[in-house]
Amino acid sequence: MDTGASRTGPLSGKTILVTGAGGGIGAEICVEVVRQGADLVMTDIADSTATLANELGARYLGLDVTRAEDWARVASWIEEEHGALHGLVNNAGLILMKPLLDTTLEDYRRIDAVNNEGTFLGIRSLAPLLAKTARDALHGTSIVNFSSIYGLGGQPFFAAYCAAKGAIRLLTKAAALEFAQLGLRIRVNSVHPGPIDTPLAREPLEELVAQGRIDSMATALAGLAASYPGGRMGQPDDVAGVVAFLLSDAARFLNGVEIPVDAGFTAKAQ
């Protein structure tokens, strides 16, 4: 894979960790931050992610974001091998489309564990190293948390997902304010993509097709595209550039903000 990476660029000299790095948006973020010069650590539960890591000249570490002991192992490795961490991207997530009354407690807890608790564990586990690194970094360090437009407003049949992504939105703001008050120099911001054309986003559409509620994937994708201002679905690289910006020193005065990456979808009057 030709990433154009020369280890020079806006993220040159920065060590960045990305969770859920194996596919979709996560993989595209990894490509972009390497292109911009970062020293990248990729984590996922899928060991196949190691193949992409090798192509990018990155390091792959297995990580289940719901396990505190996994986070402790990753944090220890980064400190031992790199001695610093400049950016954390909490991208790992799961989606669930299911009527609220059919959603089991197990369903609800699983969606919360991966999305919300995984983000919390990432912040808690790596903030000490981010804070240590920030002491010598001109503009501090950065955490980017992944929420969703469904974390900004409700959506029928996505109750568990909305709840988890809404929690990430306010966890981000609380962490940003607390770290600033403590003088830790860690910026914490959230991105809120609309439906992006990835395997994860296609899962609920495939379910609708299987149920006969939509006649084909082509119809489902066309309907989503038509709902966007501009008439197209987002692609992973539409999100990756925003994340790379938030990790860079150009975003040094952004803290506790939420950025919808949705071509203006949430700007529309409802």
C-alpha atoms as a PDB file:
ATOM      1  CA  MET A   1       0.000   0.000   0.000  1.00  0.00           C
ATOM      2  CA  ASP A   2       1.393   3.366  -1.029  1.00  0.00           C
ATOM      3  CA  THR A   3       0.460   5.791   1.735  1.00  0.00           C
ATOM      4  CA  GLY A   4       2.828   8.522   0.700  1.00  0.00           C
ATOM      5  CA  ALA A   5       4.204   8.357   4.231  1.00  0.00           C
ATOM      6  CA  SER A   6       7.534  10.101   4.609  1.00  0.00           C
ATOM      7  CA  ARG A   7       7.341  10.646   8.364  1.00  0.00           C
ATOM      8  CA  THR A   8       7.019  14.343   7.711  1.00  0.00           C
ATOM      9  CA  GLY A   9       3.812  16.309   7.976  1.00  0.00           C
ATOM     10  CA  PRO A  10       1.457  17.802  10.558  1.00  0.00           C
ATOM     11  CA  LEU A  11       1.712  14.695  12.764  1.00  0.00           C
ATOM     12  CA  SER A  12       5.439  14.153  12.383  1.00  0.00           C
ATOM     13  CA  GLY A  13       7.068  13.178  15.677  1.00  0.00           C
ATOM     14  CA  LYS A  14       3.745  12.192  17.256  1.00  0.00           C
ATOM     15  CA  THR A  15       2.877   8.722  18.508  1.00  0.00           C
ATOM     16  CA  ILE A  16      -0.811   7.991  17.872  1.00  0.00           C
ATOM     17  CA  LEU A  17      -2.936   5.060  19.065  1.00  0.00           C
ATOM     18  CA  VAL A  18      -6.092   4.108  17.135  1.00  0.00           C
ATOM     19  CA  THR A  19      -8.611   1.551  18.408  1.00  0.00           C
ATOM     20  CA  GLY A  20     -10.879  -0.416  16.090  1.00  0.00           C
ATOM     21  CA  ALA A  21      -8.153   0.025  13.497  1.00  0.00           C
ATOM     22  CA  GLY A  22      -8.910  -3.039  11.413  1.00  0.00           C
ATOM     23  CA  GLY A  23     -11.500  -1.770   8.984  1.00  0.00           C
ATOM     24  CA  GLY A  24     -13.822   0.944   7.800  1.00  0.00           C
ATOM     25  CA  ILE A  25     -13.218   4.330   9.367  1.00  0.00           C
ATOM     26  CA  GLY A  26     -10.493   3.042  11.684  1.00  0.00           C
ATOM     27  CA  ALA A  27      -8.349   1.731   8.843  1.00  0.00           C
ATOM     28  CA  GLU A  28      -8.734   4.967   6.887  1.00  0.00           C
ATOM     29  CA  ILE A  29      -7.716   6.999   9.946  1.00  0.00           C
ATOM     30  CA  CYS A  30      -4.596   4.870  10.201  1.00  0.00           C
ATOM     31  CA  VAL A  31      -3.717   5.471   6.552  1.00  0.00           C
ATOM     32  CA  GLU A  32      -4.214   9.217   6.980  1.00  0.00           C
ATOM     33  CA  VAL A  33      -2.227   9.694  10.181  1.00  0.00           C
ATOM     34  CA  VAL A  34       0.698   7.725   8.750  1.00  0.00           C
ATOM     35  CA  ARG A  35       0.500   9.837   5.591  1.00  0.00           C
ATOM     36  CA  GLN A  36       0.755  12.891   7.835  1.00  0.00           C
ATOM     37  CA  GLY A  37       3.875  11.541   9.539  1.00  0.00           C
ATOM     38  CA  ALA A  38       2.651   9.875  12.730  1.00  0.00           C
ATOM     39  CA  ASP A  39       4.261   6.912  14.440  1.00  0.00           C
ATOM     40  CA  LEU A  40       1.187   4.685  14.611  1.00  0.00           C
ATOM     41  CA  VAL A  41       0.029   1.999  17.027  1.00  0.00           C
ATOM     42  CA  MET A  42      -3.007   0.089  15.763  1.00  0.00           C
ATOM     43  CA  THR A  43      -5.280  -1.932  18.056  1.00  0.00           C
ATOM     44  CA  ASP A  44      -8.213  -4.232  17.384  1.00  0.00           C
ATOM     45  CA  ILE A  45      -9.672  -7.558  18.432  1.00  0.00           C
ATOM     46  CA  ALA A  46      -9.088  -8.922  14.909  1.00  0.00           C
ATOM     47  CA  ASP A  47      -5.524 -10.155  14.433  1.00  0.00           C
ATOM     48  CA  SER A  48      -5.954  -9.693  10.677  1.00  0.00           C
ATOM     49  CA  THR A  49      -5.320  -6.015  11.441  1.00  0.00           C
ATOM     50  CA  ALA A  50      -1.637  -6.939  11.677  1.00  0.00           C
ATOM     51  CA  THR A  51      -1.529  -7.217   7.893  1.00  0.00           C
ATOM     52  CA  LEU A  52      -2.546  -3.581   7.435  1.00  0.00           C
ATOM     53  CA  ALA A  53      -0.156  -2.552  10.194  1.00  0.00           C
ATOM     54  CA  ASN A  54       2.711  -4.181   8.316  1.00  0.00           C
ATOM     55  CA  GLU A  55       1.725  -2.390   5.119  1.00  0.00           C
ATOM     56  CA  LEU A  56       1.680   0.953   6.920  1.00  0.00           C
ATOM     57  CA  GLY A  57       4.875   0.417   8.894  1.00  0.00           C
ATOM     58  CA  ALA A  58       2.829   0.558  12.099  1.00  0.00           C
ATOM     59  CA  ARG A  59       2.693  -1.661  15.176  1.00  0.00           C
ATOM     60  CA  TYR A  60      -0.342  -3.842  15.876  1.00  0.00           C
ATOM     61  CA  LEU A  61      -1.468  -4.776  19.391  1.00  0.00           C
ATOM     62  CA  GLY A  62      -4.480  -6.944  20.178  1.00  0.00           C
ATOM     63  CA  LEU A  63      -6.965  -5.067  22.370  1.00  0.00           C
ATOM     64  CA  ASP A  64     -10.450  -5.806  23.619  1.00  0.00           C
ATOM     65  CA  VAL A  65     -11.576  -2.308  24.608  1.00  0.00           C
ATOM     66  CA  THR A  66     -13.972  -3.717  27.225  1.00  0.00           C
ATOM     67  CA  ARG A  67     -11.127  -5.282  29.246  1.00  0.00           C
ATOM     68  CA  ALA A  68      -9.256  -3.038  31.685  1.00  0.00           C
ATOM     69  CA  GLU A  69      -6.357  -5.497  31.787  1.00  0.00           C
ATOM     70  CA  ASP A  70      -5.926  -5.214  28.011  1.00  0.00           C
ATOM     71  CA  TRP A  71      -5.770  -1.452  28.270  1.00  0.00           C
ATOM     72  CA  ALA A  72      -3.191  -1.692  31.074  1.00  0.00           C
ATOM     73  CA  ARG A  73      -1.025  -3.969  28.900  1.00  0.00           C
ATOM     74  CA  VAL A  74      -1.235  -1.595  25.920  1.00  0.00           C
ATOM     75  CA  ALA A  75      -0.465   1.460  28.061  1.00  0.00           C
ATOM     76  CA  SER A  76       2.556  -0.279  29.567  1.00  0.00           C
ATOM     77  CA  TRP A  77       3.849  -1.332  26.147  1.00  0.00           C
ATOM     78  CA  ILE A  78       3.558   2.159  24.677  1.00  0.00           C
ATOM     79  CA  GLU A  79       5.384   3.723  27.601  1.00  0.00           C
ATOM     80  CA  GLU A  80       8.160   1.139  27.448  1.00  0.00           C
ATOM     81  CA  GLU A  81       8.586   1.200  23.670  1.00  0.00           C
ATOM     82  CA  HIS A  82       7.838   4.842  22.844  1.00  0.00           C
ATOM     83  CA  GLY A  83       8.032   6.688  26.167  1.00  0.00           C
ATOM     84  CA  ALA A  84       5.311   9.046  24.960  1.00  0.00           C
ATOM     85  CA  LEU A  85       1.811   9.217  23.518  1.00  0.00           C
ATOM     86  CA  HIS A  86       0.557  12.291  21.693  1.00  0.00           C
ATOM     87  CA  GLY A  87      -2.860  11.162  20.532  1.00  0.00           C
ATOM     88  CA  LEU A  88      -5.554   8.590  21.301  1.00  0.00           C
ATOM     89  CA  VAL A  89      -8.415   7.836  18.906  1.00  0.00           C
ATOM     90  CA  ASN A  90     -11.231   5.918  20.609  1.00  0.00           C
ATOM     91  CA  ASN A  91     -12.801   4.611  17.421  1.00  0.00           C
ATOM     92  CA  ALA A  92     -13.801   1.029  18.316  1.00  0.00           C
ATOM     93  CA  GLY A  93     -17.556   0.550  18.341  1.00  0.00           C
ATOM     94  CA  LEU A  94     -20.576  -1.641  17.720  1.00  0.00           C
ATOM     95  CA  ILE A  95     -23.973  -0.767  16.261  1.00  0.00           C
ATOM     96  CA  LEU A  96     -27.362  -2.331  16.977  1.00  0.00           C
ATOM     97  CA  MET A  97     -30.629  -1.747  15.167  1.00  0.00           C
ATOM     98  CA  LYS A  98     -33.414  -3.306  17.219  1.00  0.00           C
ATOM     99  CA  PRO A  99     -36.772  -2.189  18.612  1.00  0.00           C
ATOM    100  CA  LEU A 100     -36.350  -0.948  22.155  1.00  0.00           C
ATOM    101  CA  LEU A 101     -38.918  -3.423  23.499  1.00  0.00           C
ATOM    102  CA  ASP A 102     -37.014  -6.291  21.876  1.00  0.00           C
ATOM    103  CA  THR A 103     -33.624  -5.126  23.141  1.00  0.00           C
ATOM    104  CA  THR A 104     -32.388  -7.395  25.904  1.00  0.00           C
ATOM    105  CA  LEU A 105     -30.348  -6.227  28.858  1.00  0.00           C
ATOM    106  CA  GLU A 106     -27.489  -8.261  27.417  1.00  0.00           C
ATOM    107  CA  ASP A 107     -27.830  -6.371  24.109  1.00  0.00           C
ATOM    108  CA  TYR A 108     -27.881  -3.037  25.883  1.00  0.00           C
ATOM    109  CA  ARG A 109     -24.879  -3.808  28.064  1.00  0.00           C
ATOM    110  CA  ARG A 110     -22.825  -5.121  25.136  1.00  0.00           C
ATOM    111  CA  ILE A 111     -23.383  -1.972  23.072  1.00  0.00           C
ATOM    112  CA  ASP A 112     -22.582   0.194  26.082  1.00  0.00           C
ATOM    113  CA  ALA A 113     -19.519  -1.855  27.003  1.00  0.00           C
ATOM    114  CA  VAL A 114     -17.817  -1.516  23.623  1.00  0.00           C
ATOM    115  CA  ASN A 115     -18.816   2.052  22.787  1.00  0.00           C
ATOM    116  CA  ASN A 116     -19.116   3.916  26.083  1.00  0.00           C
ATOM    117  CA  GLU A 117     -17.131   1.850  28.592  1.00  0.00           C
ATOM    118  CA  GLY A 118     -14.419   1.182  26.015  1.00  0.00           C
ATOM    119  CA  THR A 119     -13.991   4.917  25.531  1.00  0.00           C
ATOM    120  CA  PHE A 120     -13.935   5.510  29.286  1.00  0.00           C
ATOM    121  CA  LEU A 121     -11.297   2.812  29.802  1.00  0.00           C
ATOM    122  CA  GLY A 122      -9.172   4.250  27.009  1.00  0.00           C
ATOM    123  CA  ILE A 123      -9.234   7.719  28.531  1.00  0.00           C
ATOM    124  CA  ARG A 124      -8.587   6.466  32.048  1.00  0.00           C
ATOM    125  CA  SER A 125      -5.786   4.122  31.020  1.00  0.00           C
ATOM    126  CA  LEU A 126      -3.832   6.458  28.746  1.00  0.00           C
ATOM    127  CA  ALA A 127      -4.462   9.909  30.228  1.00  0.00           C
ATOM    128  CA  PRO A 128      -1.460   9.564  32.589  1.00  0.00           C
ATOM    129  CA  LEU A 129       0.921   8.979  29.662  1.00  0.00           C
ATOM    130  CA  LEU A 130      -0.791  11.650  27.549  1.00  0.00           C
ATOM    131  CA  ALA A 131      -0.397  14.104  30.423  1.00  0.00           C
ATOM    132  CA  LYS A 132       3.260  13.171  30.876  1.00  0.00           C
ATOM    133  CA  THR A 133       3.890  13.660  27.163  1.00  0.00           C
ATOM    134  CA  ALA A 134       2.009  16.968  27.193  1.00  0.00           C
ATOM    135  CA  ARG A 135       4.515  18.514  29.597  1.00  0.00           C
ATOM    136  CA  ASP A 136       7.079  18.671  26.805  1.00  0.00           C
ATOM    137  CA  ALA A 137       4.681  19.124  23.874  1.00  0.00           C
ATOM    138  CA  LEU A 138       4.254  22.698  22.662  1.00  0.00           C
ATOM    139  CA  HIS A 139       0.480  22.397  22.300  1.00  0.00           C
ATOM    140  CA  GLY A 140      -0.283  19.446  24.556  1.00  0.00           C
ATOM    141  CA  THR A 141      -1.828  16.132  23.515  1.00  0.00           C
ATOM    142  CA  SER A 142      -5.166  15.043  22.100  1.00  0.00           C
ATOM    143  CA  ILE A 143      -7.948  12.507  22.561  1.00  0.00           C
ATOM    144  CA  VAL A 144     -10.559  12.023  19.830  1.00  0.00           C
ATOM    145  CA  ASN A 145     -13.667  10.080  20.839  1.00  0.00           C
ATOM    146  CA  PHE A 146     -16.105   8.592  18.362  1.00  0.00           C
ATOM    147  CA  SER A 147     -19.759   9.370  18.939  1.00  0.00           C
ATOM    148  CA  SER A 148     -22.342   9.637  16.140  1.00  0.00           C
ATOM    149  CA  ILE A 149     -25.107  11.883  14.897  1.00  0.00           C
ATOM    150  CA  TYR A 150     -27.222   9.366  16.841  1.00  0.00           C
ATOM    151  CA  GLY A 151     -25.426  10.660  19.929  1.00  0.00           C
ATOM    152  CA  LEU A 152     -26.779  14.141  19.157  1.00  0.00           C
ATOM    153  CA  GLY A 153     -30.392  13.145  18.604  1.00  0.00           C
ATOM    154  CA  GLY A 154     -32.567  10.085  18.912  1.00  0.00           C
ATOM    155  CA  GLN A 155     -33.255   7.566  16.180  1.00  0.00           C
ATOM    156  CA  PRO A 156     -36.020   4.931  16.215  1.00  0.00           C
ATOM    157  CA  PHE A 157     -34.803   1.336  16.617  1.00  0.00           C
ATOM    158  CA  PHE A 158     -31.345   2.426  17.786  1.00  0.00           C
ATOM    159  CA  ALA A 159     -32.030   3.047  21.490  1.00  0.00           C
ATOM    160  CA  ALA A 160     -28.989   1.190  22.864  1.00  0.00           C
ATOM    161  CA  TYR A 161     -26.669   2.746  20.300  1.00  0.00           C
ATOM    162  CA  CYS A 162     -28.064   6.249  20.855  1.00  0.00           C
ATOM    163  CA  ALA A 163     -27.651   5.880  24.605  1.00  0.00           C
ATOM    164  CA  ALA A 164     -24.034   4.754  24.335  1.00  0.00           C
ATOM    165  CA  LYS A 165     -23.057   7.392  21.790  1.00  0.00           C
ATOM    166  CA  GLY A 166     -24.858  10.121  23.742  1.00  0.00           C
ATOM    167  CA  ALA A 167     -22.888   9.105  26.819  1.00  0.00           C
ATOM    168  CA  ILE A 168     -19.634   9.462  24.880  1.00  0.00           C
ATOM    169  CA  ARG A 169     -20.618  13.006  23.909  1.00  0.00           C
ATOM    170  CA  LEU A 170     -20.911  14.117  27.533  1.00  0.00           C
ATOM    171  CA  LEU A 171     -18.006  11.980  28.757  1.00  0.00           C
ATOM    172  CA  THR A 172     -15.899  13.906  26.240  1.00  0.00           C
ATOM    173  CA  LYS A 173     -16.989  17.273  27.585  1.00  0.00           C
ATOM    174  CA  ALA A 174     -16.556  16.260  31.228  1.00  0.00           C
ATOM    175  CA  ALA A 175     -13.052  14.917  30.562  1.00  0.00           C
ATOM    176  CA  ALA A 176     -12.071  18.009  28.576  1.00  0.00           C
ATOM    177  CA  LEU A 177     -13.107  20.352  31.374  1.00  0.00           C
ATOM    178  CA  GLU A 178     -11.608  18.232  34.133  1.00  0.00           C
ATOM    179  CA  PHE A 179      -8.244  17.819  32.431  1.00  0.00           C
ATOM    180  CA  ALA A 180      -8.108  21.548  31.708  1.00  0.00           C
ATOM    181  CA  GLN A 181      -8.897  22.363  35.333  1.00  0.00           C
ATOM    182  CA  LEU A 182      -6.155  19.997  36.472  1.00  0.00           C
ATOM    183  CA  GLY A 183      -3.653  21.548  34.079  1.00  0.00           C
ATOM    184  CA  LEU A 184      -2.992  18.263  32.264  1.00  0.00           C
ATOM    185  CA  ARG A 185      -2.937  19.864  28.776  1.00  0.00           C
ATOM    186  CA  ILE A 186      -4.931  17.042  27.161  1.00  0.00           C
ATOM    187  CA  ARG A 187      -7.558  18.181  24.650  1.00  0.00           C
ATOM    188  CA  VAL A 188     -10.621  15.930  24.403  1.00  0.00           C
ATOM    189  CA  ASN A 189     -13.020  16.267  21.476  1.00  0.00           C
ATOM    190  CA  SER A 190     -15.658  14.113  19.803  1.00  0.00           C
ATOM    191  CA  VAL A 191     -16.565  13.424  16.198  1.00  0.00           C
ATOM    192  CA  HIS A 192     -20.131  12.552  15.210  1.00  0.00           C
ATOM    193  CA  PRO A 193     -20.290  10.919  11.788  1.00  0.00           C
ATOM    194  CA  GLY A 194     -23.516  10.412   9.948  1.00  0.00           C
ATOM    195  CA  PRO A 195     -23.960   7.040   8.249  1.00  0.00           C
ATOM    196  CA  ILE A 196     -20.638   6.298   6.568  1.00  0.00           C
ATOM    197  CA  ASP A 197     -20.383   3.619   3.898  1.00  0.00           C
ATOM    198  CA  THR A 198     -18.603   0.914   5.892  1.00  0.00           C
ATOM    199  CA  PRO A 199     -19.369  -2.743   6.688  1.00  0.00           C
ATOM    200  CA  LEU A 200     -20.501  -1.669  10.181  1.00  0.00           C
ATOM    201  CA  ALA A 201     -22.987   0.855   8.804  1.00  0.00           C
ATOM    202  CA  ARG A 202     -24.289  -1.647   6.265  1.00  0.00           C
ATOM    203  CA  GLU A 203     -25.228  -4.197   8.959  1.00  0.00           C
ATOM    204  CA  PRO A 204     -28.598  -2.621   9.887  1.00  0.00           C
ATOM    205  CA  LEU A 205     -29.383  -2.052   6.211  1.00  0.00           C
ATOM    206  CA  GLU A 206     -28.728  -5.718   5.484  1.00  0.00           C
ATOM    207  CA  GLU A 207     -31.129  -6.577   8.294  1.00  0.00           C
ATOM    208  CA  LEU A 208     -33.831  -4.401   6.747  1.00  0.00           C
ATOM    209  CA  VAL A 209     -33.319  -6.107   3.403  1.00  0.00           C
ATOM    210  CA  ALA A 210     -33.470  -9.534   5.072  1.00  0.00           C
ATOM    211  CA  GLN A 211     -36.755  -8.544   6.742  1.00  0.00           C
ATOM    212  CA  GLY A 212     -38.190  -7.466   3.405  1.00  0.00           C
ATOM    213  CA  ARG A 213     -38.645  -3.880   4.600  1.00  0.00           C
ATOM    214  CA  ILE A 214     -36.315  -2.647   1.836  1.00  0.00           C
ATOM    215  CA  ASP A 215     -36.063  -4.444  -1.473  1.00  0.00           C
ATOM    216  CA  SER A 216     -32.284  -4.259  -1.918  1.00  0.00           C
ATOM    217  CA  MET A 217     -29.025  -2.849  -0.569  1.00  0.00           C
ATOM    218  CA  ALA A 218     -28.867  -0.556  -3.577  1.00  0.00           C
ATOM    219  CA  THR A 219     -32.233   0.951  -2.602  1.00  0.00           C
ATOM    220  CA  ALA A 220     -31.149   1.307   1.020  1.00  0.00           C
ATOM    221  CA  LEU A 221     -27.898   3.038   0.122  1.00  0.00           C
ATOM    222  CA  ALA A 222     -29.629   5.318  -2.369  1.00  0.00           C
ATOM    223  CA  GLY A 223     -32.154   6.321   0.295  1.00  0.00           C
ATOM    224  CA  LEU A 224     -29.416   7.191   2.751  1.00  0.00           C
ATOM    225  CA  ALA A 225     -27.507   9.156   0.145  1.00  0.00           C
ATOM    226  CA  ALA A 226     -30.627  11.140  -0.759  1.00  0.00           C
ATOM    227  CA  SER A 227     -31.105  12.147   2.880  1.00  0.00           C
ATOM    228  CA  TYR A 228     -27.760  13.969   2.915  1.00  0.00           C
ATOM    229  CA  PRO A 229     -27.345  17.548   1.746  1.00  0.00           C
ATOM    230  CA  GLY A 230     -25.280  17.044  -1.392  1.00  0.00           C
ATOM    231  CA  GLY A 231     -26.868  13.686  -2.090  1.00  0.00           C
ATOM    232  CA  ARG A 232     -24.096  11.245  -1.216  1.00  0.00           C
ATOM    233  CA  MET A 233     -23.162   9.018   1.705  1.00  0.00           C
ATOM    234  CA  GLY A 234     -20.021   9.752   3.617  1.00  0.00           C
ATOM    235  CA  GLN A 235     -16.880   7.721   2.974  1.00  0.00           C
ATOM    236  CA  PRO A 236     -14.255   6.741   5.564  1.00  0.00           C
ATOM    237  CA  ASP A 237     -11.745   9.269   4.238  1.00  0.00           C
ATOM    238  CA  ASP A 238     -14.302  12.047   4.821  1.00  0.00           C
ATOM    239  CA  VAL A 239     -13.929  11.311   8.534  1.00  0.00           C
ATOM    240  CA  ALA A 240     -10.216  10.485   8.645  1.00  0.00           C
ATOM    241  CA  GLY A 241      -9.108  13.982   7.709  1.00  0.00           C
ATOM    242  CA  VAL A 242     -11.179  15.526  10.505  1.00  0.00           C
ATOM    243  CA  VAL A 243      -9.655  13.154  13.047  1.00  0.00           C
ATOM    244  CA  ALA A 244      -6.124  13.880  11.836  1.00  0.00           C
ATOM    245  CA  PHE A 245      -6.819  17.603  12.180  1.00  0.00           C
ATOM    246  CA  LEU A 246      -8.004  17.168  15.773  1.00  0.00           C
ATOM    247  CA  LEU A 247      -4.828  15.242  16.571  1.00  0.00           C
ATOM    248  CA  SER A 248      -2.641  17.988  15.117  1.00  0.00           C
ATOM    249  CA  ASP A 249      -1.376  21.194  16.680  1.00  0.00           C
ATOM    250  CA  ALA A 250      -3.628  23.123  14.287  1.00  0.00           C
ATOM    251  CA  ALA A 251      -6.507  22.106  16.620  1.00  0.00           C
ATOM    252  CA  ARG A 252      -4.678  23.355  19.712  1.00  0.00           C
ATOM    253  CA  PHE A 253      -7.532  25.643  20.849  1.00  0.00           C
ATOM    254  CA  LEU A 254     -10.345  23.135  20.340  1.00  0.00           C
ATOM    255  CA  ASN A 255     -11.390  21.384  23.526  1.00  0.00           C
ATOM    256  CA  GLY A 256     -14.652  19.726  24.521  1.00  0.00           C
ATOM    257  CA  VAL A 257     -16.217  20.300  21.112  1.00  0.00           C
ATOM    258  CA  GLU A 258     -18.447  17.981  19.105  1.00  0.00           C
ATOM    259  CA  ILE A 259     -17.966  17.920  15.350  1.00  0.00           C
ATOM    260  CA  PRO A 260     -20.714  16.418  13.175  1.00  0.00           C
ATOM    261  CA  VAL A 261     -19.120  14.869  10.094  1.00  0.00           C
ATOM    262  CA  ASP A 262     -22.312  14.603   8.108  1.00  0.00           C
ATOM    263  CA  ALA A 263     -22.279  17.084   5.197  1.00  0.00           C
ATOM    264  CA  GLY A 264     -24.790  19.262   7.079  1.00  0.00           C
ATOM    265  CA  PHE A 265     -27.330  16.523   7.881  1.00  0.00           C
ATOM    266  CA  THR A 266     -27.769  17.692  11.479  1.00  0.00           C
ATOM    267  CA  ALA A 267     -27.894  21.330  10.359  1.00  0.00           C
ATOM    268  CA  LYS A 268     -31.268  20.763   8.699  1.00  0.00           C
ATOM    269  CA  ALA A 269     -34.427  21.959  10.393  1.00  0.00           C
ATOM    270  CA  GLN A 270     -36.406  18.941  11.524  1.00  0.00           C
END
